[in-house]
Amino acid sequence: MGVLLVIWALVSFGAGILFVEPLNNLSFTIFGIPVGFWFAQQGSIITFVILIAVYVWRMDKLDKEFGIDEYEQAVHHQ
């Protein structure tokens, strides 16, 4: 989880705020948009959604490792 938080902080705060100008000065763009602006507007959101998916996948893997099946429990309680 710590690694995911570091990635999130670097992308959202670093690429979206601190390093916008250097990223905007790169020789390439993303769909014609400067890289720094793209990260501030879209890249951080896309990265956040990917991090959520990785977190869910990892937590499901840990649940299975420790014998926890919350989906099965939810069916039995209804």
N, C-alpha and C. Protein backbone atom coordinates (compact mmCIF):
# COMPACT_ATOMS: atom_id res chain seq x y z
N MET A 1 0.82 -1.17 0.00
CA MET A 1 0.00 0.00 0.00
C MET A 1 0.88 1.26 0.00
N GLY A 2 2.02 1.19 0.68
CA GLY A 2 2.92 2.33 0.70
C GLY A 2 3.44 2.69 -0.68
N VAL A 3 3.74 1.68 -1.48
CA VAL A 3 4.21 1.92 -2.85
C VAL A 3 3.12 2.62 -3.66
N LEU A 4 1.88 2.16 -3.52
CA LEU A 4 0.77 2.80 -4.25
C LEU A 4 0.60 4.25 -3.84
N LEU A 5 0.74 4.53 -2.55
CA LEU A 5 0.62 5.92 -2.07
C LEU A 5 1.74 6.81 -2.61
N VAL A 6 2.95 6.25 -2.68
CA VAL A 6 4.07 7.02 -3.23
C VAL A 6 3.84 7.32 -4.71
N ILE A 7 3.39 6.33 -5.47
CA ILE A 7 3.10 6.55 -6.89
C ILE A 7 2.03 7.62 -7.03
N TRP A 8 0.96 7.52 -6.25
CA TRP A 8 -0.12 8.50 -6.30
C TRP A 8 0.39 9.90 -5.99
N ALA A 9 1.22 10.04 -4.95
CA ALA A 9 1.75 11.35 -4.58
C ALA A 9 2.66 11.91 -5.67
N LEU A 10 3.52 11.07 -6.23
CA LEU A 10 4.42 11.54 -7.28
C LEU A 10 3.66 12.00 -8.52
N VAL A 11 2.64 11.24 -8.90
CA VAL A 11 1.89 11.59 -10.10
C VAL A 11 1.00 12.81 -9.86
N SER A 12 0.23 12.81 -8.78
CA SER A 12 -0.72 13.90 -8.57
C SER A 12 -0.03 15.18 -8.13
N PHE A 13 0.82 15.11 -7.12
CA PHE A 13 1.47 16.31 -6.60
C PHE A 13 2.71 16.65 -7.40
N GLY A 14 3.53 15.64 -7.71
CA GLY A 14 4.77 15.88 -8.44
C GLY A 14 4.54 16.29 -9.87
N ALA A 15 3.94 15.39 -10.66
CA ALA A 15 3.74 15.67 -12.09
C ALA A 15 2.66 16.70 -12.31
N GLY A 16 1.66 16.76 -11.43
CA GLY A 16 0.55 17.69 -11.63
C GLY A 16 0.79 19.08 -11.11
N ILE A 17 1.75 19.26 -10.18
CA ILE A 17 1.96 20.58 -9.58
C ILE A 17 3.44 21.00 -9.66
N LEU A 18 4.32 20.21 -9.05
CA LEU A 18 5.72 20.61 -8.93
C LEU A 18 6.48 20.63 -10.25
N PHE A 19 6.25 19.64 -11.09
CA PHE A 19 7.05 19.49 -12.31
C PHE A 19 6.28 19.81 -13.58
N VAL A 20 5.22 20.62 -13.47
CA VAL A 20 4.40 20.94 -14.65
C VAL A 20 5.22 21.66 -15.71
N GLU A 21 5.95 22.67 -15.34
CA GLU A 21 6.72 23.45 -16.32
C GLU A 21 7.78 22.60 -17.02
N PRO A 22 8.62 21.86 -16.28
CA PRO A 22 9.60 21.02 -17.00
C PRO A 22 8.93 19.98 -17.91
N LEU A 23 7.80 19.41 -17.47
CA LEU A 23 7.11 18.44 -18.31
C LEU A 23 6.50 19.11 -19.54
N ASN A 24 6.02 20.33 -19.38
CA ASN A 24 5.46 21.06 -20.53
C ASN A 24 6.53 21.39 -21.56
N ASN A 25 7.78 21.49 -21.14
CA ASN A 25 8.87 21.84 -22.04
C ASN A 25 9.48 20.64 -22.76
N LEU A 26 8.94 19.44 -22.52
CA LEU A 26 9.43 18.26 -23.23
C LEU A 26 9.14 18.39 -24.71
N SER A 27 9.91 17.69 -25.51
CA SER A 27 9.79 17.82 -26.96
C SER A 27 8.60 17.05 -27.54
N PHE A 28 7.87 16.30 -26.72
CA PHE A 28 6.70 15.57 -27.22
C PHE A 28 5.46 15.97 -26.43
N THR A 29 4.31 15.65 -26.99
CA THR A 29 3.05 15.94 -26.32
C THR A 29 2.22 14.66 -26.27
N ILE A 30 1.14 14.69 -25.54
CA ILE A 30 0.21 13.57 -25.48
C ILE A 30 -1.08 14.04 -26.15
N PHE A 31 -1.35 13.52 -27.33
CA PHE A 31 -2.51 13.93 -28.13
C PHE A 31 -2.52 15.44 -28.38
N GLY A 32 -1.33 16.02 -28.56
CA GLY A 32 -1.20 17.43 -28.84
C GLY A 32 -1.28 18.33 -27.60
N ILE A 33 -1.33 17.73 -26.43
CA ILE A 33 -1.43 18.48 -25.17
C ILE A 33 -0.08 18.41 -24.46
N PRO A 34 0.42 19.52 -23.92
CA PRO A 34 1.68 19.47 -23.17
C PRO A 34 1.60 18.44 -22.04
N VAL A 35 2.68 17.73 -21.81
CA VAL A 35 2.70 16.60 -20.87
C VAL A 35 2.33 17.04 -19.45
N GLY A 36 2.85 18.14 -18.97
CA GLY A 36 2.55 18.61 -17.62
C GLY A 36 1.07 18.91 -17.44
N PHE A 37 0.48 19.59 -18.42
CA PHE A 37 -0.94 19.91 -18.35
C PHE A 37 -1.76 18.63 -18.40
N TRP A 38 -1.36 17.68 -19.25
CA TRP A 38 -2.09 16.42 -19.37
C TRP A 38 -2.09 15.68 -18.04
N PHE A 39 -0.91 15.61 -17.38
CA PHE A 39 -0.85 14.93 -16.08
C PHE A 39 -1.71 15.63 -15.05
N ALA A 40 -1.71 16.96 -15.06
CA ALA A 40 -2.50 17.70 -14.08
C ALA A 40 -3.99 17.48 -14.30
N GLN A 41 -4.42 17.32 -15.54
CA GLN A 41 -5.85 17.21 -15.84
C GLN A 41 -6.34 15.78 -16.00
N GLN A 42 -5.61 14.93 -16.69
CA GLN A 42 -6.08 13.58 -17.00
C GLN A 42 -5.19 12.48 -16.44
N GLY A 43 -3.90 12.66 -16.55
CA GLY A 43 -2.97 11.61 -16.17
C GLY A 43 -3.08 11.19 -14.73
N SER A 44 -3.25 12.15 -13.83
CA SER A 44 -3.35 11.81 -12.41
C SER A 44 -4.65 11.05 -12.14
N ILE A 45 -5.73 11.39 -12.83
CA ILE A 45 -7.00 10.68 -12.64
C ILE A 45 -6.89 9.25 -13.17
N ILE A 46 -6.33 9.09 -14.36
CA ILE A 46 -6.16 7.75 -14.93
C ILE A 46 -5.25 6.90 -14.05
N THR A 47 -4.16 7.51 -13.57
CA THR A 47 -3.25 6.79 -12.67
C THR A 47 -3.97 6.38 -11.40
N PHE A 48 -4.79 7.25 -10.84
CA PHE A 48 -5.53 6.95 -9.62
C PHE A 48 -6.47 5.77 -9.83
N VAL A 49 -7.17 5.72 -10.95
CA VAL A 49 -8.08 4.61 -11.24
C VAL A 49 -7.29 3.30 -11.38
N ILE A 50 -6.14 3.36 -12.04
CA ILE A 50 -5.29 2.17 -12.17
C ILE A 50 -4.80 1.70 -10.80
N LEU A 51 -4.42 2.65 -9.94
CA LEU A 51 -3.96 2.29 -8.60
C LEU A 51 -5.08 1.65 -7.79
N ILE A 52 -6.31 2.12 -7.95
CA ILE A 52 -7.45 1.49 -7.27
C ILE A 52 -7.62 0.05 -7.73
N ALA A 53 -7.52 -0.17 -9.05
CA ALA A 53 -7.65 -1.53 -9.58
C ALA A 53 -6.55 -2.44 -9.04
N VAL A 54 -5.31 -1.94 -8.98
CA VAL A 54 -4.20 -2.73 -8.43
C VAL A 54 -4.44 -3.03 -6.96
N TYR A 55 -4.93 -2.05 -6.21
CA TYR A 55 -5.22 -2.25 -4.78
C TYR A 55 -6.30 -3.32 -4.59
N VAL A 56 -7.38 -3.26 -5.35
CA VAL A 56 -8.45 -4.25 -5.24
C VAL A 56 -7.93 -5.64 -5.58
N TRP A 57 -7.16 -5.74 -6.66
CA TRP A 57 -6.59 -7.03 -7.06
C TRP A 57 -5.71 -7.60 -5.94
N ARG A 58 -4.86 -6.75 -5.38
CA ARG A 58 -3.94 -7.19 -4.33
C ARG A 58 -4.69 -7.60 -3.05
N MET A 59 -5.71 -6.84 -2.68
CA MET A 59 -6.47 -7.17 -1.48
C MET A 59 -7.24 -8.48 -1.66
N ASP A 60 -7.78 -8.70 -2.86
CA ASP A 60 -8.45 -9.97 -3.14
C ASP A 60 -7.47 -11.14 -3.04
N LYS A 61 -6.26 -10.92 -3.54
CA LYS A 61 -5.23 -11.96 -3.46
C LYS A 61 -4.88 -12.26 -2.00
N LEU A 62 -4.75 -11.21 -1.17
CA LEU A 62 -4.47 -11.41 0.25
C LEU A 62 -5.64 -12.09 0.96
N ASP A 63 -6.87 -11.73 0.60
CA ASP A 63 -8.04 -12.38 1.19
C ASP A 63 -8.02 -13.88 0.92
N LYS A 64 -7.74 -14.25 -0.32
CA LYS A 64 -7.68 -15.68 -0.67
C LYS A 64 -6.56 -16.38 0.07
N GLU A 65 -5.42 -15.68 0.22
CA GLU A 65 -4.27 -16.27 0.91
C GLU A 65 -4.60 -16.60 2.36
N PHE A 66 -5.43 -15.77 3.00
CA PHE A 66 -5.77 -15.97 4.40
C PHE A 66 -7.15 -16.61 4.59
N GLY A 67 -7.73 -17.11 3.51
CA GLY A 67 -8.98 -17.84 3.62
C GLY A 67 -10.22 -17.00 3.86
N ILE A 68 -10.21 -15.75 3.47
CA ILE A 68 -11.36 -14.87 3.65
C ILE A 68 -12.06 -14.74 2.31
N ASP A 69 -13.35 -15.04 2.32
CA ASP A 69 -14.14 -14.94 1.09
C ASP A 69 -15.36 -14.08 1.39
N GLU A 70 -15.22 -12.78 1.26
CA GLU A 70 -16.32 -11.87 1.61
C GLU A 70 -17.49 -11.98 0.65
N TYR A 71 -17.26 -12.44 -0.57
CA TYR A 71 -18.37 -12.59 -1.52
C TYR A 71 -19.27 -13.73 -1.08
N GLU A 72 -18.68 -14.81 -0.61
CA GLU A 72 -19.45 -15.95 -0.13
C GLU A 72 -20.20 -15.57 1.14
N GLN A 73 -19.59 -14.82 2.04
CA GLN A 73 -20.23 -14.40 3.27
C GLN A 73 -21.41 -13.49 3.00
N ALA A 74 -21.32 -12.63 2.00
CA ALA A 74 -22.42 -11.71 1.68
C ALA A 74 -23.64 -12.48 1.21
N VAL A 75 -23.45 -13.58 0.49
CA VAL A 75 -24.57 -14.38 -0.01
C VAL A 75 -25.26 -15.09 1.15
N HIS A 76 -24.51 -15.58 2.13
CA HIS A 76 -25.08 -16.30 3.26
C HIS A 76 -25.86 -15.39 4.20
N HIS A 77 -25.54 -14.12 4.26
CA HIS A 77 -26.22 -13.19 5.17
C HIS A 77 -27.52 -12.66 4.60
N GLN A 78 -27.80 -12.90 3.35
CA GLN A 78 -29.03 -12.35 2.76
C GLN A 78 -30.20 -13.23 2.98
